[in-house]
């Protein structure tokens, strides 16, 4: 069993064996799940770049110009609706 020690500020170093098993990288976030029996589970929070490509779009993503035009139309439509009240 791998162990580590808590500092006075409740900080610890995750042992090398655990870092390697979880494939942790420097500055990566981890989440903790505390269970009713007093045990805790540590899980790596996926990094944003690891999620790239995980979603499949039904249509191609719009380019920046198209997004800006759609935003302008929506703002103008909302202003027109507010003006009629």
PDB file of N, CA and C in Angstrom:
ATOM      1  N   UNK A   1       0.851  -1.174   0.000  1.00  0.00           N
ATOM      2  CA  UNK A   1       0.000   0.000   0.000  1.00  0.00           C
ATOM      3  C   UNK A   1       0.898   1.239   0.000  1.00  0.00           C
ATOM      4  N   UNK A   2       0.583   2.189  -0.851  1.00  0.00           N
ATOM      5  CA  UNK A   2       1.332   3.437  -0.952  1.00  0.00           C
ATOM      6  C   UNK A   2       0.758   4.449   0.026  1.00  0.00           C
ATOM      7  N   UNK A   3       1.647   5.233   0.671  1.00  0.00           N
ATOM      8  CA  UNK A   3       1.202   6.221   1.647  1.00  0.00           C
ATOM      9  C   UNK A   3       1.890   7.554   1.398  1.00  0.00           C
ATOM     10  N   UNK A   4       1.296   8.615   1.958  1.00  0.00           N
ATOM     11  CA  UNK A   4       1.934   9.929   1.983  1.00  0.00           C
ATOM     12  C   UNK A   4       1.524  10.606   3.280  1.00  0.00           C
ATOM     13  N   UNK A   5       2.174  11.716   3.599  1.00  0.00           N
ATOM     14  CA  UNK A   5       1.950  12.419   4.860  1.00  0.00           C
ATOM     15  C   UNK A   5       1.327  13.774   4.601  1.00  0.00           C
ATOM     16  N   UNK A   6       0.393  14.190   5.463  1.00  0.00           N
ATOM     17  CA  UNK A   6      -0.212  15.518   5.376  1.00  0.00           C
ATOM     18  C   UNK A   6       0.687  16.532   6.083  1.00  0.00           C
ATOM     19  N   UNK A   7       0.821  17.708   5.482  1.00  0.00           N
ATOM     20  CA  UNK A   7       1.568  18.786   6.122  1.00  0.00           C
ATOM     21  C   UNK A   7       0.648  19.501   7.108  1.00  0.00           C
ATOM     22  N   UNK A   8       1.190  20.491   7.812  1.00  0.00           N
ATOM     23  CA  UNK A   8       0.378  21.289   8.739  1.00  0.00           C
ATOM     24  C   UNK A   8      -0.733  22.037   8.020  1.00  0.00           C
ATOM     25  N   UNK A   9      -0.566  22.268   6.719  1.00  0.00           N
ATOM     26  CA  UNK A   9      -1.574  22.969   5.921  1.00  0.00           C
ATOM     27  C   UNK A   9      -2.474  21.978   5.167  1.00  0.00           C
ATOM     28  N   UNK A  10      -2.449  20.714   5.575  1.00  0.00           N
ATOM     29  CA  UNK A  10      -3.263  19.644   4.986  1.00  0.00           C
ATOM     30  C   UNK A  10      -2.948  19.407   3.512  1.00  0.00           C
ATOM     31  N   UNK A  11      -1.700  19.590   3.129  1.00  0.00           N
ATOM     32  CA  UNK A  11      -1.258  19.311   1.771  1.00  0.00           C
ATOM     33  C   UNK A  11      -0.470  18.011   1.777  1.00  0.00           C
ATOM     34  N   UNK A  12      -0.431  17.356   0.629  1.00  0.00           N
ATOM     35  CA  UNK A  12       0.325  16.118   0.495  1.00  0.00           C
ATOM     36  C   UNK A  12       0.845  16.003  -0.924  1.00  0.00           C
ATOM     37  N   UNK A  13       1.837  15.182  -1.112  1.00  0.00           N
ATOM     38  CA  UNK A  13       2.344  14.855  -2.440  1.00  0.00           C
ATOM     39  C   UNK A  13       1.732  13.529  -2.847  1.00  0.00           C
ATOM     40  N   UNK A  14       1.169  13.487  -4.035  1.00  0.00           N
ATOM     41  CA  UNK A  14       0.613  12.229  -4.524  1.00  0.00           C
ATOM     42  C   UNK A  14       1.787  11.349  -4.924  1.00  0.00           C
ATOM     43  N   UNK A  15       1.894  10.173  -4.349  1.00  0.00           N
ATOM     44  CA  UNK A  15       3.040   9.306  -4.636  1.00  0.00           C
ATOM     45  C   UNK A  15       3.176   8.981  -6.122  1.00  0.00           C
ATOM     46  N   UNK A  16       4.413   8.773  -6.550  1.00  0.00           N
ATOM     47  CA  UNK A  16       4.724   8.496  -7.949  1.00  0.00           C
ATOM     48  C   UNK A  16       3.891   7.330  -8.494  1.00  0.00           C
ATOM     49  N   UNK A  17       3.776   6.271  -7.729  1.00  0.00           N
ATOM     50  CA  UNK A  17       3.024   5.089  -8.164  1.00  0.00           C
ATOM     51  C   UNK A  17       1.573   5.458  -8.498  1.00  0.00           C
ATOM     52  N   UNK A  18       0.958   6.311  -7.700  1.00  0.00           N
ATOM     53  CA  UNK A  18      -0.427   6.736  -7.925  1.00  0.00           C
ATOM     54  C   UNK A  18      -0.495   7.680  -9.118  1.00  0.00           C
ATOM     55  N   UNK A  19       0.438   8.636  -9.205  1.00  0.00           N
ATOM     56  CA  UNK A  19       0.462   9.566 -10.350  1.00  0.00           C
ATOM     57  C   UNK A  19       0.581   8.813 -11.662  1.00  0.00           C
ATOM     58  N   UNK A  20       1.437   7.804 -11.683  1.00  0.00           N
ATOM     59  CA  UNK A  20       1.613   7.021 -12.911  1.00  0.00           C
ATOM     60  C   UNK A  20       0.367   6.199 -13.227  1.00  0.00           C
ATOM     61  N   UNK A  21      -0.226   5.599 -12.210  1.00  0.00           N
ATOM     62  CA  UNK A  21      -1.415   4.769 -12.428  1.00  0.00           C
ATOM     63  C   UNK A  21      -2.580   5.596 -12.965  1.00  0.00           C
ATOM     64  N   UNK A  22      -2.698   6.847 -12.491  1.00  0.00           N
ATOM     65  CA  UNK A  22      -3.788   7.719 -12.931  1.00  0.00           C
ATOM     66  C   UNK A  22      -3.393   8.592 -14.114  1.00  0.00           C
ATOM     67  N   UNK A  23      -2.142   8.471 -14.548  1.00  0.00           N
ATOM     68  CA  UNK A  23      -1.611   9.277 -15.660  1.00  0.00           C
ATOM     69  C   UNK A  23      -1.794  10.770 -15.384  1.00  0.00           C
ATOM     70  N   UNK A  24      -1.472  11.204 -14.170  1.00  0.00           N
ATOM     71  CA  UNK A  24      -1.617  12.605 -13.776  1.00  0.00           C
ATOM     72  C   UNK A  24      -0.475  13.440 -14.321  1.00  0.00           C
ATOM     73  N   UNK A  25      -0.786  14.666 -14.666  1.00  0.00           N
ATOM     74  CA  UNK A  25       0.200  15.624 -15.172  1.00  0.00           C
ATOM     75  C   UNK A  25       0.289  16.796 -14.192  1.00  0.00           C
ATOM     76  N   UNK A  26       1.400  17.533 -14.209  1.00  0.00           N
ATOM     77  CA  UNK A  26       1.510  18.702 -13.321  1.00  0.00           C
ATOM     78  C   UNK A  26       0.358  19.684 -13.546  1.00  0.00           C
ATOM     79  N   UNK A  27      -0.172  20.232 -12.473  1.00  0.00           N
ATOM     80  CA  UNK A  27      -1.241  21.232 -12.452  1.00  0.00           C
ATOM     81  C   UNK A  27      -2.593  20.667 -12.881  1.00  0.00           C
ATOM     82  N   UNK A  28      -2.679  19.354 -13.087  1.00  0.00           N
ATOM     83  CA  UNK A  28      -3.963  18.742 -13.437  1.00  0.00           C
ATOM     84  C   UNK A  28      -4.850  18.690 -12.200  1.00  0.00           C
ATOM     85  N   UNK A  29      -6.128  18.878 -12.397  1.00  0.00           N
ATOM     86  CA  UNK A  29      -7.089  18.836 -11.293  1.00  0.00           C
ATOM     87  C   UNK A  29      -7.485  17.390 -11.028  1.00  0.00           C
ATOM     88  N   UNK A  30      -7.794  17.107  -9.772  1.00  0.00           N
ATOM     89  CA  UNK A  30      -8.312  15.800  -9.383  1.00  0.00           C
ATOM     90  C   UNK A  30      -9.588  16.020  -8.593  1.00  0.00           C
ATOM     91  N   UNK A  31     -10.474  15.040  -8.623  1.00  0.00           N
ATOM     92  CA  UNK A  31     -11.699  15.129  -7.833  1.00  0.00           C
ATOM     93  C   UNK A  31     -11.665  14.030  -6.775  1.00  0.00           C
ATOM     94  N   UNK A  32     -12.373  14.296  -5.674  1.00  0.00           N
ATOM     95  CA  UNK A  32     -12.425  13.349  -4.564  1.00  0.00           C
ATOM     96  C   UNK A  32     -13.878  12.978  -4.303  1.00  0.00           C
ATOM     97  N   UNK A  33     -14.093  11.699  -4.054  1.00  0.00           N
ATOM     98  CA  UNK A  33     -15.421  11.219  -3.661  1.00  0.00           C
ATOM     99  C   UNK A  33     -15.261  10.568  -2.291  1.00  0.00           C
ATOM    100  N   UNK A  34     -15.905  11.148  -1.290  1.00  0.00           N
ATOM    101  CA  UNK A  34     -15.849  10.591   0.058  1.00  0.00           C
ATOM    102  C   UNK A  34     -17.043   9.664   0.222  1.00  0.00           C
ATOM    103  N   UNK A  35     -16.767   8.441   0.595  1.00  0.00           N
ATOM    104  CA  UNK A  35     -17.820   7.434   0.733  1.00  0.00           C
ATOM    105  C   UNK A  35     -18.292   7.323   2.176  1.00  0.00           C
ATOM    106  N   UNK A  36     -19.464   6.744   2.354  1.00  0.00           N
ATOM    107  CA  UNK A  36     -20.068   6.596   3.679  1.00  0.00           C
ATOM    108  C   UNK A  36     -19.192   5.790   4.636  1.00  0.00           C
ATOM    109  N   UNK A  37     -18.400   4.871   4.103  1.00  0.00           N
ATOM    110  CA  UNK A  37     -17.570   4.029   4.968  1.00  0.00           C
ATOM    111  C   UNK A  37     -16.273   4.720   5.400  1.00  0.00           C
ATOM    112  N   UNK A  38     -16.087   5.994   5.011  1.00  0.00           N
ATOM    113  CA  UNK A  38     -14.904   6.747   5.405  1.00  0.00           C
ATOM    114  C   UNK A  38     -13.772   6.681   4.400  1.00  0.00           C
ATOM    115  N   UNK A  39     -13.942   5.903   3.358  1.00  0.00           N
ATOM    116  CA  UNK A  39     -12.908   5.842   2.321  1.00  0.00           C
ATOM    117  C   UNK A  39     -13.119   6.979   1.328  1.00  0.00           C
ATOM    118  N   UNK A  40     -12.101   7.240   0.538  1.00  0.00           N
ATOM    119  CA  UNK A  40     -12.183   8.290  -0.470  1.00  0.00           C
ATOM    120  C   UNK A  40     -11.611   7.763  -1.778  1.00  0.00           C
ATOM    121  N   UNK A  41     -12.185   8.232  -2.882  1.00  0.00           N
ATOM    122  CA  UNK A  41     -11.729   7.865  -4.218  1.00  0.00           C
ATOM    123  C   UNK A  41     -11.211   9.121  -4.876  1.00  0.00           C
ATOM    124  N   UNK A  42     -10.033   9.044  -5.479  1.00  0.00           N
ATOM    125  CA  UNK A  42      -9.463  10.174  -6.203  1.00  0.00           C
ATOM    126  C   UNK A  42      -9.513   9.843  -7.690  1.00  0.00           C
ATOM    127  N   UNK A  43      -9.979  10.815  -8.480  1.00  0.00           N
ATOM    128  CA  UNK A  43     -10.076  10.626  -9.931  1.00  0.00           C
ATOM    129  C   UNK A  43      -9.488  11.836 -10.638  1.00  0.00           C
ATOM    130  N   UNK A  44      -8.788  11.622 -11.736  1.00  0.00           N
ATOM    131  CA  UNK A  44      -8.305  12.764 -12.510  1.00  0.00           C
ATOM    132  C   UNK A  44      -9.471  13.442 -13.221  1.00  0.00           C
ATOM    133  N   UNK A  45      -9.463  14.765 -13.253  1.00  0.00           N
ATOM    134  CA  UNK A  45     -10.428  15.528 -14.041  1.00  0.00           C
ATOM    135  C   UNK A  45      -9.830  15.636 -15.436  1.00  0.00           C
ATOM    136  N   UNK A  46     -10.557  15.212 -16.464  1.00  0.00           N
ATOM    137  CA  UNK A  46      -9.983  15.232 -17.814  1.00  0.00           C
ATOM    138  C   UNK A  46      -9.549  16.642 -18.215  1.00  0.00           C
ATOM    139  N   UNK A  47      -8.413  16.730 -18.874  1.00  0.00           N
ATOM    140  CA  UNK A  47      -7.944  18.005 -19.394  1.00  0.00           C
ATOM    141  C   UNK A  47      -8.737  18.327 -20.655  1.00  0.00           C
ATOM    142  N   UNK A  48      -8.915  19.598 -20.917  1.00  0.00           N
ATOM    143  CA  UNK A  48      -9.723  20.034 -22.046  1.00  0.00           C
ATOM    144  C   UNK A  48      -9.232  19.430 -23.365  1.00  0.00           C
ATOM    145  N   UNK A  49      -7.923  19.411 -23.557  1.00  0.00           N
ATOM    146  CA  UNK A  49      -7.410  18.901 -24.833  1.00  0.00           C
ATOM    147  C   UNK A  49      -7.687  17.403 -25.008  1.00  0.00           C
ATOM    148  N   UNK A  50      -7.874  16.674 -23.901  1.00  0.00           N
ATOM    149  CA  UNK A  50      -8.175  15.250 -24.030  1.00  0.00           C
ATOM    150  C   UNK A  50      -9.611  15.026 -24.493  1.00  0.00           C
ATOM    151  N   UNK A  51     -10.466  16.044 -24.335  1.00  0.00           N
ATOM    152  CA  UNK A  51     -11.855  15.932 -24.761  1.00  0.00           C
ATOM    153  C   UNK A  51     -12.057  16.340 -26.220  1.00  0.00           C
ATOM    154  N   UNK A  52     -11.035  16.941 -26.837  1.00  0.00           N
ATOM    155  CA  UNK A  52     -11.157  17.423 -28.210  1.00  0.00           C
ATOM    156  C   UNK A  52     -11.546  16.274 -29.142  1.00  0.00           C
ATOM    157  N   UNK A  53     -12.581  16.499 -29.913  1.00  0.00           N
ATOM    158  CA  UNK A  53     -13.030  15.514 -30.871  1.00  0.00           C
ATOM    159  C   UNK A  53     -13.970  14.469 -30.296  1.00  0.00           C
ATOM    160  N   UNK A  54     -14.301  14.575 -29.014  1.00  0.00           N
ATOM    161  CA  UNK A  54     -15.162  13.563 -28.403  1.00  0.00           C
ATOM    162  C   UNK A  54     -16.635  13.758 -28.762  1.00  0.00           C
ATOM    163  N   UNK A  55     -16.998  14.958 -29.215  1.00  0.00           N
ATOM    164  CA  UNK A  55     -18.372  15.216 -29.632  1.00  0.00           C
ATOM    165  C   UNK A  55     -18.459  15.179 -31.152  1.00  0.00           C
ATOM    166  N   UNK A  56     -19.447  14.502 -31.641  1.00  0.00           N
ATOM    167  CA  UNK A  56     -19.679  14.433 -33.083  1.00  0.00           C
ATOM    168  C   UNK A  56     -20.831  15.369 -33.431  1.00  0.00           C
ATOM    169  N   UNK A  57     -20.563  16.340 -34.283  1.00  0.00           N
ATOM    170  CA  UNK A  57     -21.579  17.297 -34.683  1.00  0.00           C
ATOM    171  C   UNK A  57     -22.375  16.757 -35.861  1.00  0.00           C
ATOM    172  N   UNK A  58     -23.677  17.072 -35.891  1.00  0.00           N
ATOM    173  CA  UNK A  58     -24.517  16.648 -37.005  1.00  0.00           C
ATOM    174  C   UNK A  58     -24.267  17.506 -38.239  1.00  0.00           C
ATOM    175  N   UNK A  59     -23.741  18.687 -38.010  1.00  0.00           N
ATOM    176  CA  UNK A  59     -23.424  19.580 -39.118  1.00  0.00           C
ATOM    177  C   UNK A  59     -22.083  20.248 -38.814  1.00  0.00           C
ATOM    178  N   UNK A  60     -21.407  20.757 -39.823  1.00  0.00           N
ATOM    179  CA  UNK A  60     -20.119  21.407 -39.578  1.00  0.00           C
ATOM    180  C   UNK A  60     -20.283  22.630 -38.675  1.00  0.00           C
ATOM    181  N   UNK A  61     -19.290  22.895 -37.866  1.00  0.00           N
ATOM    182  CA  UNK A  61     -19.319  24.062 -36.982  1.00  0.00           C
ATOM    183  C   UNK A  61     -19.232  25.331 -37.824  1.00  0.00           C
ATOM    184  N   UNK A  62     -19.968  26.358 -37.396  1.00  0.00           N
ATOM    185  CA  UNK A  62     -19.969  27.633 -38.120  1.00  0.00           C
ATOM    186  C   UNK A  62     -18.650  28.357 -37.888  1.00  0.00           C
ATOM    187  N   UNK A  63     -18.256  29.139 -38.877  1.00  0.00           N
ATOM    188  CA  UNK A  63     -17.047  29.939 -38.698  1.00  0.00           C
ATOM    189  C   UNK A  63     -17.381  31.194 -37.889  1.00  0.00           C
ATOM    190  N   UNK A  64     -16.360  31.930 -37.508  1.00  0.00           N
ATOM    191  CA  UNK A  64     -16.531  33.100 -36.654  1.00  0.00           C
ATOM    192  C   UNK A  64     -17.448  34.136 -37.294  1.00  0.00           C
ATOM    193  N   UNK A  65     -17.301  34.366 -38.574  1.00  0.00           N
ATOM    194  CA  UNK A  65     -18.114  35.364 -39.276  1.00  0.00           C
ATOM    195  C   UNK A  65     -19.598  35.019 -39.206  1.00  0.00           C
ATOM    196  N   UNK A  66     -19.922  33.758 -39.447  1.00  0.00           N
ATOM    197  CA  UNK A  66     -21.309  33.310 -39.397  1.00  0.00           C
ATOM    198  C   UNK A  66     -21.875  33.457 -37.988  1.00  0.00           C
ATOM    199  N   UNK A  67     -21.074  33.112 -36.974  1.00  0.00           N
ATOM    200  CA  UNK A  67     -21.512  33.251 -35.579  1.00  0.00           C
ATOM    201  C   UNK A  67     -21.799  34.715 -35.233  1.00  0.00           C
ATOM    202  N   UNK A  68     -20.931  35.629 -35.667  1.00  0.00           N
ATOM    203  CA  UNK A  68     -21.122  37.060 -35.394  1.00  0.00           C
ATOM    204  C   UNK A  68     -22.386  37.582 -36.073  1.00  0.00           C
ATOM    205  N   UNK A  69     -22.623  37.155 -37.323  1.00  0.00           N
ATOM    206  CA  UNK A  69     -23.818  37.593 -38.038  1.00  0.00           C
ATOM    207  C   UNK A  69     -25.078  37.096 -37.324  1.00  0.00           C
ATOM    208  N   UNK A  70     -25.069  35.852 -36.861  1.00  0.00           N
ATOM    209  CA  UNK A  70     -26.225  35.299 -36.154  1.00  0.00           C
ATOM    210  C   UNK A  70     -26.453  36.057 -34.845  1.00  0.00           C
ATOM    211  N   UNK A  71     -25.386  36.414 -34.159  1.00  0.00           N
ATOM    212  CA  UNK A  71     -25.512  37.161 -32.903  1.00  0.00           C
ATOM    213  C   UNK A  71     -26.094  38.544 -33.168  1.00  0.00           C
ATOM    214  N   UNK A  72     -25.642  39.202 -34.224  1.00  0.00           N
ATOM    215  CA  UNK A  72     -26.168  40.537 -34.568  1.00  0.00           C
ATOM    216  C   UNK A  72     -27.659  40.470 -34.891  1.00  0.00           C
ATOM    217  N   UNK A  73     -28.053  39.440 -35.641  1.00  0.00           N
ATOM    218  CA  UNK A  73     -29.475  39.284 -35.977  1.00  0.00           C
ATOM    219  C   UNK A  73     -30.302  39.060 -34.718  1.00  0.00           C
ATOM    220  N   UNK A  74     -29.808  38.228 -33.810  1.00  0.00           N
ATOM    221  CA  UNK A  74     -30.542  37.942 -32.576  1.00  0.00           C
ATOM    222  C   UNK A  74     -30.660  39.193 -31.709  1.00  0.00           C
ATOM    223  N   UNK A  75     -29.613  39.986 -31.632  1.00  0.00           N
ATOM    224  CA  UNK A  75     -29.636  41.226 -30.843  1.00  0.00           C
ATOM    225  C   UNK A  75     -30.612  42.216 -31.457  1.00  0.00           C
ATOM    226  N   UNK A  76     -30.581  42.338 -32.785  1.00  0.00           N
ATOM    227  CA  UNK A  76     -31.485  43.259 -33.471  1.00  0.00           C
ATOM    228  C   UNK A  76     -32.941  42.823 -33.294  1.00  0.00           C
ATOM    229  N   UNK A  77     -33.181  41.530 -33.374  1.00  0.00           N
ATOM    230  CA  UNK A  77     -34.544  41.024 -33.207  1.00  0.00           C
ATOM    231  C   UNK A  77     -35.036  41.278 -31.782  1.00  0.00           C
ATOM    232  N   UNK A  78     -34.187  41.080 -30.809  1.00  0.00           N
ATOM    233  CA  UNK A  78     -34.573  41.324 -29.409  1.00  0.00           C
ATOM    234  C   UNK A  78     -34.849  42.809 -29.190  1.00  0.00           C
ATOM    235  N   UNK A  79     -34.025  43.688 -29.776  1.00  0.00           N
ATOM    236  CA  UNK A  79     -34.232  45.117 -29.630  1.00  0.00           C
ATOM    237  C   UNK A  79     -35.551  45.530 -30.285  1.00  0.00           C
ATOM    238  N   UNK A  80     -35.868  44.936 -31.428  1.00  0.00           N
ATOM    239  CA  UNK A  80     -37.121  45.229 -32.134  1.00  0.00           C
ATOM    240  C   UNK A  80     -38.312  44.791 -31.285  1.00  0.00           C
ATOM    241  N   UNK A  81     -38.217  43.635 -30.672  1.00  0.00           N
ATOM    242  CA  UNK A  81     -39.286  43.118 -29.802  1.00  0.00           C
ATOM    243  C   UNK A  81     -39.465  44.029 -28.596  1.00  0.00           C
ATOM    244  N   UNK A  82     -38.372  44.473 -27.989  1.00  0.00           N
ATOM    245  CA  UNK A  82     -38.434  45.369 -26.831  1.00  0.00           C
ATOM    246  C   UNK A  82     -39.033  46.721 -27.237  1.00  0.00           C
ATOM    247  N   UNK A  83     -38.738  47.188 -28.445  1.00  0.00           N
ATOM    248  CA  UNK A  83     -39.254  48.470 -28.917  1.00  0.00           C
ATOM    249  C   UNK A  83     -40.751  48.465 -29.144  1.00  0.00           C
ATOM    250  N   UNK A  84     -41.325  47.295 -29.399  1.00  0.00           N
ATOM    251  CA  UNK A  84     -42.765  47.177 -29.653  1.00  0.00           C
ATOM    252  C   UNK A  84     -43.583  47.128 -28.366  1.00  0.00           C
ATOM    253  N   UNK A  85     -42.939  46.929 -27.250  1.00  0.00           N
ATOM    254  CA  UNK A  85     -43.681  46.828 -25.986  1.00  0.00           C
ATOM    255  C   UNK A  85     -44.078  48.174 -25.448  1.00  0.00           C
TER     256      UNK A  85
END
